[in-house]
C-alpha atoms as a PDB file:
ATOM      1  CA  MET A   1      75.731   3.290 -90.415  1.00  0.00           C
ATOM      2  CA  ARG A   2      79.308   2.122 -89.715  1.00  0.00           C
ATOM      3  CA  VAL A   3      82.249   4.277 -90.922  1.00  0.00           C
ATOM      4  CA  GLY A   4      86.097   2.962 -90.821  1.00  0.00           C
ATOM      5  CA  LEU A   5      88.800   5.290 -90.667  1.00  0.00           C
ATOM      6  CA  HIS A   6      92.677   4.971 -90.616  1.00  0.00           C
ATOM      7  CA  THR A   7      94.985   7.347 -88.994  1.00  0.00           C
ATOM      8  CA  ARG A   8      98.609   6.666 -88.259  1.00  0.00           C
ATOM      9  CA  LEU A   9     100.779   7.791 -85.114  1.00  0.00           C
ATOM     10  CA  LEU A  10     104.198   9.509 -84.815  1.00  0.00           C
ATOM     11  CA  ALA A  11     106.703   6.857 -83.592  1.00  0.00           C
ATOM     12  CA  GLY A  12     107.018   7.070 -79.973  1.00  0.00           C
ATOM     13  CA  ALA A  13     103.669   8.467 -79.299  1.00  0.00           C
ATOM     14  CA  GLU A  14     101.925   5.126 -78.746  1.00  0.00           C
ATOM     15  CA  GLN A  15     101.804   5.169 -74.809  1.00  0.00           C
ATOM     16  CA  GLU A  16     100.770   8.817 -74.782  1.00  0.00           C
ATOM     17  CA  TYR A  17      97.846   8.266 -77.203  1.00  0.00           C
ATOM     18  CA  GLU A  18      96.689   5.277 -75.253  1.00  0.00           C
ATOM     19  CA  ASP A  19      97.000   7.134 -72.088  1.00  0.00           C
ATOM     20  CA  LEU A  20      94.806  10.178 -73.452  1.00  0.00           C
ATOM     21  CA  HIS A  21      92.302   7.666 -74.492  1.00  0.00           C
ATOM     22  CA  ARG A  22      91.876   6.293 -70.854  1.00  0.00           C
ATOM     23  CA  ALA A  23      90.751   9.513 -70.011  1.00  0.00           C
ATOM     24  CA  VAL A  24      88.155  11.133 -72.681  1.00  0.00           C
ATOM     25  CA  PRO A  25      86.611  14.011 -71.059  1.00  0.00           C
ATOM     26  CA  THR A  26      83.041  13.083 -69.965  1.00  0.00           C
ATOM     27  CA  GLU A  27      82.119  16.475 -71.684  1.00  0.00           C
ATOM     28  CA  LEU A  28      83.491  15.328 -75.193  1.00  0.00           C
ATOM     29  CA  ARG A  29      81.625  11.679 -74.874  1.00  0.00           C
ATOM     30  CA  ASP A  30      78.541  13.167 -73.885  1.00  0.00           C
ATOM     31  CA  ALA A  31      78.821  15.598 -77.134  1.00  0.00           C
ATOM     32  CA  ILE A  32      79.850  12.658 -79.455  1.00  0.00           C
ATOM     33  CA  MET A  33      76.946  10.645 -78.210  1.00  0.00           C
ATOM     34  CA  SER A  34      74.662  13.601 -78.736  1.00  0.00           C
ATOM     35  CA  ALA A  35      75.785  14.214 -82.220  1.00  0.00           C
ATOM     36  CA  GLY A  36      74.453  10.759 -83.157  1.00  0.00           C
ATOM     37  CA  PHE A  37      77.522   8.553 -82.480  1.00  0.00           C
ATOM     38  CA  SER A  38      76.457   5.273 -80.722  1.00  0.00           C
ATOM     39  CA  ASP A  39      80.029   3.669 -80.620  1.00  0.00           C
ATOM     40  CA  TRP A  40      83.581   4.333 -81.616  1.00  0.00           C
ATOM     41  CA  VAL A  41      86.219   1.736 -81.166  1.00  0.00           C
ATOM     42  CA  ILE A  42      89.921   2.151 -82.286  1.00  0.00           C
ATOM     43  CA  PHE A  43      92.450  -0.636 -83.187  1.00  0.00           C
ATOM     44  CA  ARG A  44      95.940  -0.079 -82.645  1.00  0.00           C
ATOM     45  CA  ASP A  45      98.427  -2.338 -84.872  1.00  0.00           C
ATOM     46  CA  GLY A  46     101.633  -0.408 -84.315  1.00  0.00           C
ATOM     47  CA  LEU A  47     101.591   3.082 -85.360  1.00  0.00           C
ATOM     48  CA  ASP A  48      98.417   2.565 -87.548  1.00  0.00           C
ATOM     49  CA  LEU A  49      94.783   3.487 -86.009  1.00  0.00           C
ATOM     50  CA  PHE A  50      91.606   1.772 -87.053  1.00  0.00           C
ATOM     51  CA  HIS A  51      88.389   3.353 -86.038  1.00  0.00           C
ATOM     52  CA  CYS A  52      85.057   1.337 -86.386  1.00  0.00           C
ATOM     53  CA  ILE A  53      82.227   3.898 -85.862  1.00  0.00           C
ATOM     54  CA  THR A  54      78.691   3.382 -85.550  1.00  0.00           C
ATOM     55  CA  VAL A  55      76.716   6.397 -86.098  1.00  0.00           C
ATOM     56  CA  ASP A  56      73.153   7.554 -87.434  1.00  0.00           C
ATOM     57  CA  ASP A  57      74.705   9.785 -90.145  1.00  0.00           C
ATOM     58  CA  TYR A  58      78.317  10.452 -90.199  1.00  0.00           C
ATOM     59  CA  ASP A  59      78.797  13.473 -92.305  1.00  0.00           C
ATOM     60  CA  ALA A  60      75.912  15.219 -89.929  1.00  0.00           C
ATOM     61  CA  ALA A  61      77.503  13.850 -86.668  1.00  0.00           C
ATOM     62  CA  ILE A  62      81.369  14.789 -87.645  1.00  0.00           C
ATOM     63  CA  ALA A  63      80.116  17.953 -88.691  1.00  0.00           C
ATOM     64  CA  ALA A  64      77.973  18.668 -85.550  1.00  0.00           C
ATOM     65  CA  ILE A  65      81.189  17.905 -83.138  1.00  0.00           C
ATOM     66  CA  ALA A  66      84.084  19.616 -85.248  1.00  0.00           C
ATOM     67  CA  GLU A  67      84.046  22.801 -84.045  1.00  0.00           C
ATOM     68  CA  LEU A  68      83.092  22.165 -80.721  1.00  0.00           C
ATOM     69  CA  PRO A  69      85.494  23.677 -78.103  1.00  0.00           C
ATOM     70  CA  VAL A  70      85.724  20.483 -76.066  1.00  0.00           C
ATOM     71  CA  ASN A  71      86.399  18.690 -79.323  1.00  0.00           C
ATOM     72  CA  GLU A  72      88.982  21.103 -80.722  1.00  0.00           C
ATOM     73  CA  THR A  73      90.579  20.872 -77.214  1.00  0.00           C
ATOM     74  CA  TRP A  74      91.105  17.469 -77.622  1.00  0.00           C
ATOM     75  CA  GLN A  75      92.077  17.460 -81.419  1.00  0.00           C
ATOM     76  CA  ALA A  76      94.912  19.603 -80.343  1.00  0.00           C
ATOM     77  CA  GLN A  77      96.213  17.070 -77.777  1.00  0.00           C
ATOM     78  CA  VAL A  78      95.788  14.018 -79.892  1.00  0.00           C
ATOM     79  CA  GLY A  79      96.500  15.878 -83.168  1.00  0.00           C
ATOM     80  CA  ARG A  80     100.084  16.211 -82.191  1.00  0.00           C
ATOM     81  CA  LEU A  81     100.589  12.809 -81.640  1.00  0.00           C
ATOM     82  CA  ALA A  82      99.567  11.966 -85.419  1.00  0.00           C
ATOM     83  CA  GLU A  83     101.463  11.524 -88.755  1.00  0.00           C
ATOM     84  CA  VAL A  84      98.013  11.238 -90.231  1.00  0.00           C
ATOM     85  CA  ALA A  85      95.352  12.620 -88.235  1.00  0.00           C
ATOM     86  CA  HIS A  86      91.583  12.911 -89.281  1.00  0.00           C
ATOM     87  CA  ASP A  87      90.604  16.244 -90.377  1.00  0.00           C
ATOM     88  CA  TYR A  88      86.973  16.370 -89.906  1.00  0.00           C
ATOM     89  CA  SER A  89      86.213  17.604 -93.493  1.00  0.00           C
ATOM     90  CA  GLY A  90      83.578  15.295 -94.199  1.00  0.00           C
ATOM     91  CA  ASP A  91      85.370  13.948 -97.301  1.00  0.00           C
ATOM     92  CA  ALA A  92      84.361  10.627 -97.790  1.00  0.00           C
ATOM     93  CA  SER A  93      87.514   9.722 -99.289  1.00  0.00           C
ATOM     94  CA  ASP A  94      89.029   9.586 -95.506  1.00  0.00           C
ATOM     95  CA  ARG A  95      87.033   6.466 -95.223  1.00  0.00           C
ATOM     96  CA  MET A  96      88.075   2.717 -95.215  1.00  0.00           C
ATOM     97  CA  THR A  97      85.974   0.430 -97.764  1.00  0.00           C
ATOM     98  CA  MET A  98      83.920  -2.158 -95.807  1.00  0.00           C
ATOM     99  CA  VAL A  99      84.913  -5.562 -97.272  1.00  0.00           C
ATOM    100  CA  TRP A 100      82.953  -7.966 -95.130  1.00  0.00           C
ATOM    101  CA  ASP A 101      80.522  -8.125 -92.489  1.00  0.00           C
ATOM    102  CA  LEU A 102      79.503 -11.117 -90.598  1.00  0.00           C
ATOM    103  CA  ALA A 103      75.739  -9.711 -89.972  1.00  0.00           C
ATOM    104  CA  TRP A 104      75.041  -9.287 -93.978  1.00  0.00           C
END
């Protein structure tokens, strides 16, 4: 399945956010992939972040990584840069609506 999320940075946090993502810890990448995520792309438009996620089962995968120490450490680093952060609640209301897909 593919999931779209929208988050938002605090003004002035753009460069630090991008710098952090150039050095995502291998342990976190491995945990994300082990949970069933096969791709996670983040696009930035100004302060707005758009996440395009490919995953077997989003709810199960997000629950699997939510409380891992490596993810909690990462979220503490990244979360302080966000005005609107992903809260890992698994609530479907945080997802963007897919409008069109070329592969349909």
